[in-house]
Amino acid sequence: MAIAHKDAGLFDSEAQTVPQPPGFAYVA
């Protein structure tokens, strides 16, 4: 799983830390 993810345009402190399947965060 992706145990942390950060989108471009955000600061590192704004990363998501709830584990999710890898890659899903890039889907619109």
PDB file of all heavy atoms in Angstrom:
ATOM      1  N   MET A   1       0.836  -1.206   0.000  1.00  0.00           N
ATOM      2  CA  MET A   1       0.000   0.000   0.000  1.00  0.00           C
ATOM      3  C   MET A   1       0.872   1.259   0.000  1.00  0.00           C
ATOM      4  O   MET A   1       2.041   1.227   0.383  1.00  0.00           O
ATOM      5  CB  MET A   1      -0.888   0.020   1.238  1.00  0.00           C
ATOM      6  CG  MET A   1      -1.787  -1.190   1.405  1.00  0.00           C
ATOM      7  SD  MET A   1      -3.362  -1.010   0.554  1.00  0.00           S
ATOM      8  CE  MET A   1      -4.280  -0.066   1.771  1.00  0.00           C
ATOM      9  N   ALA A   2       0.270   2.352  -0.412  1.00  0.00           N
ATOM     10  CA  ALA A   2       0.895   3.666  -0.257  1.00  0.00           C
ATOM     11  C   ALA A   2       0.546   4.146   1.142  1.00  0.00           C
ATOM     12  O   ALA A   2      -0.590   4.526   1.412  1.00  0.00           O
ATOM     13  CB  ALA A   2       0.368   4.639  -1.305  1.00  0.00           C
ATOM     14  N   ILE A   3       1.523   4.094   2.056  1.00  0.00           N
ATOM     15  CA  ILE A   3       1.236   4.480   3.430  1.00  0.00           C
ATOM     16  C   ILE A   3       1.338   5.997   3.616  1.00  0.00           C
ATOM     17  O   ILE A   3       1.031   6.510   4.689  1.00  0.00           O
ATOM     18  CB  ILE A   3       2.150   3.748   4.422  1.00  0.00           C
ATOM     19  CG1 ILE A   3       3.616   4.058   4.166  1.00  0.00           C
ATOM     20  CG2 ILE A   3       1.905   2.249   4.360  1.00  0.00           C
ATOM     21  CD1 ILE A   3       4.555   3.456   5.216  1.00  0.00           C
ATOM     22  N   ALA A   4       1.771   6.704   2.584  1.00  0.00           N
ATOM     23  CA  ALA A   4       1.747   8.166   2.587  1.00  0.00           C
ATOM     24  C   ALA A   4       1.759   8.640   1.139  1.00  0.00           C
ATOM     25  O   ALA A   4       2.379   8.013   0.277  1.00  0.00           O
ATOM     26  CB  ALA A   4       2.929   8.752   3.351  1.00  0.00           C
ATOM     27  N   HIS A   5       1.052   9.729   0.869  1.00  0.00           N
ATOM     28  CA  HIS A   5       1.004  10.288  -0.492  1.00  0.00           C
ATOM     29  C   HIS A   5       0.868  11.801  -0.391  1.00  0.00           C
ATOM     30  O   HIS A   5       0.137  12.326   0.458  1.00  0.00           O
ATOM     31  CB  HIS A   5      -0.180   9.735  -1.276  1.00  0.00           C
ATOM     32  CG  HIS A   5      -0.460  10.503  -2.533  1.00  0.00           C
ATOM     33  ND1 HIS A   5       0.263  10.298  -3.697  1.00  0.00           N
ATOM     34  CD2 HIS A   5      -1.340  11.511  -2.803  1.00  0.00           C
ATOM     35  CE1 HIS A   5      -0.178  11.132  -4.625  1.00  0.00           C
ATOM     36  NE2 HIS A   5      -1.145  11.876  -4.106  1.00  0.00           N
ATOM     37  N   LYS A   6       1.578  12.506  -1.269  1.00  0.00           N
ATOM     38  CA  LYS A   6       1.430  13.957  -1.369  1.00  0.00           C
ATOM     39  C   LYS A   6       1.268  14.353  -2.823  1.00  0.00           C
ATOM     40  O   LYS A   6       2.011  13.897  -3.693  1.00  0.00           O
ATOM     41  CB  LYS A   6       2.641  14.694  -0.792  1.00  0.00           C
ATOM     42  CG  LYS A   6       2.428  16.211  -0.744  1.00  0.00           C
ATOM     43  CD  LYS A   6       3.703  16.954  -0.443  1.00  0.00           C
ATOM     44  CE  LYS A   6       4.600  17.083  -1.648  1.00  0.00           C
ATOM     45  NZ  LYS A   6       4.056  18.025  -2.665  1.00  0.00           N
ATOM     46  N   ASP A   7       0.286  15.193  -3.089  1.00  0.00           N
ATOM     47  CA  ASP A   7       0.074  15.709  -4.439  1.00  0.00           C
ATOM     48  C   ASP A   7       1.002  16.884  -4.718  1.00  0.00           C
ATOM     49  O   ASP A   7       1.415  17.603  -3.795  1.00  0.00           O
ATOM     50  CB  ASP A   7      -1.378  16.190  -4.606  1.00  0.00           C
ATOM     51  CG  ASP A   7      -2.360  15.037  -4.667  1.00  0.00           C
ATOM     52  OD1 ASP A   7      -2.037  14.014  -5.280  1.00  0.00           O
ATOM     53  OD2 ASP A   7      -3.451  15.166  -4.084  1.00  0.00           O
ATOM     54  N   ALA A   8       1.314  17.101  -5.966  1.00  0.00           N
ATOM     55  CA  ALA A   8       2.013  18.324  -6.363  1.00  0.00           C
ATOM     56  C   ALA A   8       1.117  19.501  -6.022  1.00  0.00           C
ATOM     57  O   ALA A   8      -0.113  19.410  -6.053  1.00  0.00           O
ATOM     58  CB  ALA A   8       2.312  18.292  -7.860  1.00  0.00           C
ATOM     59  N   GLY A   9       1.732  20.624  -5.673  1.00  0.00           N
ATOM     60  CA  GLY A   9       0.950  21.797  -5.293  1.00  0.00           C
ATOM     61  C   GLY A   9       0.634  21.855  -3.813  1.00  0.00           C
ATOM     62  O   GLY A   9      -0.025  22.784  -3.354  1.00  0.00           O
ATOM     63  N   LEU A  10       1.111  20.857  -3.043  1.00  0.00           N
ATOM     64  CA  LEU A  10       0.913  20.829  -1.599  1.00  0.00           C
ATOM     65  C   LEU A  10       2.266  20.796  -0.897  1.00  0.00           C
ATOM     66  O   LEU A  10       3.268  20.382  -1.473  1.00  0.00           O
ATOM     67  CB  LEU A  10       0.107  19.602  -1.181  1.00  0.00           C
ATOM     68  CG  LEU A  10      -1.319  19.480  -1.708  1.00  0.00           C
ATOM     69  CD1 LEU A  10      -1.963  18.191  -1.197  1.00  0.00           C
ATOM     70  CD2 LEU A  10      -2.161  20.688  -1.318  1.00  0.00           C
ATOM     71  N   PHE A  11       2.280  21.236   0.352  1.00  0.00           N
ATOM     72  CA  PHE A  11       3.484  21.138   1.169  1.00  0.00           C
ATOM     73  C   PHE A  11       3.586  19.720   1.735  1.00  0.00           C
ATOM     74  O   PHE A  11       2.584  19.005   1.852  1.00  0.00           O
ATOM     75  CB  PHE A  11       3.449  22.144   2.321  1.00  0.00           C
ATOM     76  CG  PHE A  11       3.359  23.581   1.874  1.00  0.00           C
ATOM     77  CD1 PHE A  11       2.359  24.414   2.353  1.00  0.00           C
ATOM     78  CD2 PHE A  11       4.285  24.091   0.971  1.00  0.00           C
ATOM     79  CE1 PHE A  11       2.280  25.735   1.954  1.00  0.00           C
ATOM     80  CE2 PHE A  11       4.208  25.418   0.559  1.00  0.00           C
ATOM     81  CZ  PHE A  11       3.198  26.238   1.043  1.00  0.00           C
ATOM     82  N   ASP A  12       4.786  19.299   2.107  1.00  0.00           N
ATOM     83  CA  ASP A  12       4.972  17.961   2.669  1.00  0.00           C
ATOM     84  C   ASP A  12       4.111  17.756   3.914  1.00  0.00           C
ATOM     85  O   ASP A  12       3.667  16.636   4.194  1.00  0.00           O
ATOM     86  CB  ASP A  12       6.441  17.734   3.024  1.00  0.00           C
ATOM     87  CG  ASP A  12       7.289  17.451   1.793  1.00  0.00           C
ATOM     88  OD1 ASP A  12       6.725  17.342   0.691  1.00  0.00           O
ATOM     89  OD2 ASP A  12       8.527  17.355   1.929  1.00  0.00           O
ATOM     90  N   SER A  13       3.892  18.814   4.680  1.00  0.00           N
ATOM     91  CA  SER A  13       3.080  18.705   5.891  1.00  0.00           C
ATOM     92  C   SER A  13       1.626  18.381   5.594  1.00  0.00           C
ATOM     93  O   SER A  13       0.865  18.017   6.493  1.00  0.00           O
ATOM     94  CB  SER A  13       3.157  20.016   6.697  1.00  0.00           C
ATOM     95  OG  SER A  13       2.673  21.103   5.922  1.00  0.00           O
ATOM     96  N   GLU A  14       1.216  18.506   4.330  1.00  0.00           N
ATOM     97  CA  GLU A  14      -0.163  18.239   3.944  1.00  0.00           C
ATOM     98  C   GLU A  14      -0.338  16.844   3.341  1.00  0.00           C
ATOM     99  O   GLU A  14      -1.377  16.544   2.762  1.00  0.00           O
ATOM    100  CB  GLU A  14      -0.633  19.292   2.940  1.00  0.00           C
ATOM    101  CG  GLU A  14      -0.605  20.709   3.471  1.00  0.00           C
ATOM    102  CD  GLU A  14      -0.949  21.750   2.417  1.00  0.00           C
ATOM    103  OE1 GLU A  14      -0.081  22.036   1.566  1.00  0.00           O
ATOM    104  OE2 GLU A  14      -2.081  22.262   2.435  1.00  0.00           O
ATOM    105  N   ALA A  15       0.661  15.993   3.479  1.00  0.00           N
ATOM    106  CA  ALA A  15       0.582  14.649   2.903  1.00  0.00           C
ATOM    107  C   ALA A  15      -0.532  13.837   3.555  1.00  0.00           C
ATOM    108  O   ALA A  15      -0.856  14.006   4.737  1.00  0.00           O
ATOM    109  CB  ALA A  15       1.917  13.926   3.083  1.00  0.00           C
ATOM    110  N   GLN A  16      -1.115  12.938   2.759  1.00  0.00           N
ATOM    111  CA  GLN A  16      -2.109  12.002   3.269  1.00  0.00           C
ATOM    112  C   GLN A  16      -1.365  10.824   3.902  1.00  0.00           C
ATOM    113  O   GLN A  16      -0.477  10.254   3.287  1.00  0.00           O
ATOM    114  CB  GLN A  16      -2.996  11.496   2.135  1.00  0.00           C
ATOM    115  CG  GLN A  16      -3.707  12.586   1.347  1.00  0.00           C
ATOM    116  CD  GLN A  16      -4.358  12.029   0.084  1.00  0.00           C
ATOM    117  OE1 GLN A  16      -4.692  10.851   0.012  1.00  0.00           O
ATOM    118  NE2 GLN A  16      -4.530  12.882  -0.909  1.00  0.00           N
ATOM    119  N   THR A  17      -1.759  10.443   5.102  1.00  0.00           N
ATOM    120  CA  THR A  17      -1.041   9.374   5.800  1.00  0.00           C
ATOM    121  C   THR A  17      -1.923   8.169   6.118  1.00  0.00           C
ATOM    122  O   THR A  17      -1.489   7.264   6.816  1.00  0.00           O
ATOM    123  CB  THR A  17      -0.425   9.910   7.101  1.00  0.00           C
ATOM    124  OG1 THR A  17      -1.450  10.506   7.911  1.00  0.00           O
ATOM    125  CG2 THR A  17       0.650  10.948   6.806  1.00  0.00           C
ATOM    126  N   VAL A  18      -3.144   8.141   5.605  1.00  0.00           N
ATOM    127  CA  VAL A  18      -3.986   6.954   5.746  1.00  0.00           C
ATOM    128  C   VAL A  18      -3.634   6.007   4.603  1.00  0.00           C
ATOM    129  O   VAL A  18      -3.746   6.381   3.434  1.00  0.00           O
ATOM    130  CB  VAL A  18      -5.485   7.312   5.692  1.00  0.00           C
ATOM    131  CG1 VAL A  18      -6.334   6.041   5.740  1.00  0.00           C
ATOM    132  CG2 VAL A  18      -5.852   8.247   6.831  1.00  0.00           C
ATOM    133  N   PRO A  19      -3.166   4.779   4.899  1.00  0.00           N
ATOM    134  CA  PRO A  19      -2.762   3.859   3.821  1.00  0.00           C
ATOM    135  C   PRO A  19      -3.883   3.611   2.818  1.00  0.00           C
ATOM    136  O   PRO A  19      -5.042   3.427   3.209  1.00  0.00           O
ATOM    137  CB  PRO A  19      -2.404   2.575   4.585  1.00  0.00           C
ATOM    138  CG  PRO A  19      -2.021   3.039   5.949  1.00  0.00           C
ATOM    139  CD  PRO A  19      -2.930   4.193   6.244  1.00  0.00           C
ATOM    140  N   GLN A  20      -3.518   3.633   1.535  1.00  0.00           N
ATOM    141  CA  GLN A  20      -4.474   3.392   0.451  1.00  0.00           C
ATOM    142  C   GLN A  20      -3.781   2.597  -0.639  1.00  0.00           C
ATOM    143  O   GLN A  20      -2.548   2.560  -0.708  1.00  0.00           O
ATOM    144  CB  GLN A  20      -4.996   4.722  -0.113  1.00  0.00           C
ATOM    145  CG  GLN A  20      -5.739   5.603   0.885  1.00  0.00           C
ATOM    146  CD  GLN A  20      -7.054   5.005   1.377  1.00  0.00           C
ATOM    147  OE1 GLN A  20      -7.530   4.009   0.821  1.00  0.00           O
ATOM    148  NE2 GLN A  20      -7.627   5.607   2.416  1.00  0.00           N
ATOM    149  N   PRO A  21      -4.538   1.954  -1.542  1.00  0.00           N
ATOM    150  CA  PRO A  21      -3.904   1.228  -2.652  1.00  0.00           C
ATOM    151  C   PRO A  21      -3.032   2.166  -3.469  1.00  0.00           C
ATOM    152  O   PRO A  21      -3.381   3.333  -3.679  1.00  0.00           O
ATOM    153  CB  PRO A  21      -5.099   0.726  -3.473  1.00  0.00           C
ATOM    154  CG  PRO A  21      -6.225   0.671  -2.506  1.00  0.00           C
ATOM    155  CD  PRO A  21      -6.008   1.820  -1.564  1.00  0.00           C
ATOM    156  N   PRO A  22      -1.876   1.709  -3.926  1.00  0.00           N
ATOM    157  CA  PRO A  22      -0.974   2.590  -4.674  1.00  0.00           C
ATOM    158  C   PRO A  22      -1.608   3.062  -5.974  1.00  0.00           C
ATOM    159  O   PRO A  22      -2.294   2.302  -6.665  1.00  0.00           O
ATOM    160  CB  PRO A  22       0.236   1.692  -4.947  1.00  0.00           C
ATOM    161  CG  PRO A  22      -0.303   0.304  -4.901  1.00  0.00           C
ATOM    162  CD  PRO A  22      -1.363   0.327  -3.844  1.00  0.00           C
ATOM    163  N   GLY A  23      -1.384   4.325  -6.287  1.00  0.00           N
ATOM    164  CA  GLY A  23      -1.838   4.873  -7.555  1.00  0.00           C
ATOM    165  C   GLY A  23      -3.228   5.458  -7.555  1.00  0.00           C
ATOM    166  O   GLY A  23      -3.562   6.281  -8.414  1.00  0.00           O
ATOM    167  N   PHE A  24      -4.076   5.068  -6.625  1.00  0.00           N
ATOM    168  CA  PHE A  24      -5.452   5.569  -6.625  1.00  0.00           C
ATOM    169  C   PHE A  24      -5.509   7.076  -6.422  1.00  0.00           C
ATOM    170  O   PHE A  24      -6.436   7.739  -6.880  1.00  0.00           O
ATOM    171  CB  PHE A  24      -6.261   4.863  -5.539  1.00  0.00           C
ATOM    172  CG  PHE A  24      -6.834   3.538  -5.957  1.00  0.00           C
ATOM    173  CD1 PHE A  24      -6.020   2.543  -6.487  1.00  0.00           C
ATOM    174  CD2 PHE A  24      -8.187   3.276  -5.835  1.00  0.00           C
ATOM    175  CE1 PHE A  24      -6.538   1.322  -6.866  1.00  0.00           C
ATOM    176  CE2 PHE A  24      -8.731   2.054  -6.221  1.00  0.00           C
ATOM    177  CZ  PHE A  24      -7.897   1.062  -6.738  1.00  0.00           C
ATOM    178  N   ALA A  25      -4.524   7.617  -5.729  1.00  0.00           N
ATOM    179  CA  ALA A  25      -4.526   9.057  -5.467  1.00  0.00           C
ATOM    180  C   ALA A  25      -4.331   9.876  -6.732  1.00  0.00           C
ATOM    181  O   ALA A  25      -4.612  11.082  -6.747  1.00  0.00           O
ATOM    182  CB  ALA A  25      -3.424   9.401  -4.460  1.00  0.00           C
ATOM    183  N   TYR A  26      -3.858   9.239  -7.821  1.00  0.00           N
ATOM    184  CA  TYR A  26      -3.629   9.964  -9.071  1.00  0.00           C
ATOM    185  C   TYR A  26      -4.848   9.935  -9.998  1.00  0.00           C
ATOM    186  O   TYR A  26      -4.831  10.551 -11.057  1.00  0.00           O
ATOM    187  CB  TYR A  26      -2.423   9.356  -9.802  1.00  0.00           C
ATOM    188  CG  TYR A  26      -1.125   9.578  -9.072  1.00  0.00           C
ATOM    189  CD1 TYR A  26      -0.656   8.646  -8.148  1.00  0.00           C
ATOM    190  CD2 TYR A  26      -0.375  10.730  -9.277  1.00  0.00           C
ATOM    191  CE1 TYR A  26       0.522   8.851  -7.455  1.00  0.00           C
ATOM    192  CE2 TYR A  26       0.812  10.945  -8.597  1.00  0.00           C
ATOM    193  CZ  TYR A  26       1.252  10.002  -7.683  1.00  0.00           C
ATOM    194  OH  TYR A  26       2.429  10.216  -6.996  1.00  0.00           O
ATOM    195  N   VAL A  27      -5.882   9.207  -9.609  1.00  0.00           N
ATOM    196  CA  VAL A  27      -7.067   9.049 -10.454  1.00  0.00           C
ATOM    197  C   VAL A  27      -8.033  10.202 -10.216  1.00  0.00           C
ATOM    198  O   VAL A  27      -8.283  10.593  -9.070  1.00  0.00           O
ATOM    199  CB  VAL A  27      -7.756   7.705 -10.162  1.00  0.00           C
ATOM    200  CG1 VAL A  27      -9.015   7.552 -11.009  1.00  0.00           C
ATOM    201  CG2 VAL A  27      -6.788   6.549 -10.427  1.00  0.00           C
ATOM    202  N   ALA A  28      -8.580  10.741 -11.279  1.00  0.00           N
ATOM    203  CA  ALA A  28      -9.547  11.834 -11.178  1.00  0.00           C
ATOM    204  C   ALA A  28     -10.914  11.287 -10.788  1.00  0.00           C
ATOM    205  O   ALA A  28     -11.240  10.125 -11.074  1.00  0.00           O
ATOM    206  CB  ALA A  28      -9.650  12.580 -12.506  1.00  0.00           C
TER     207      ALA A  28
END
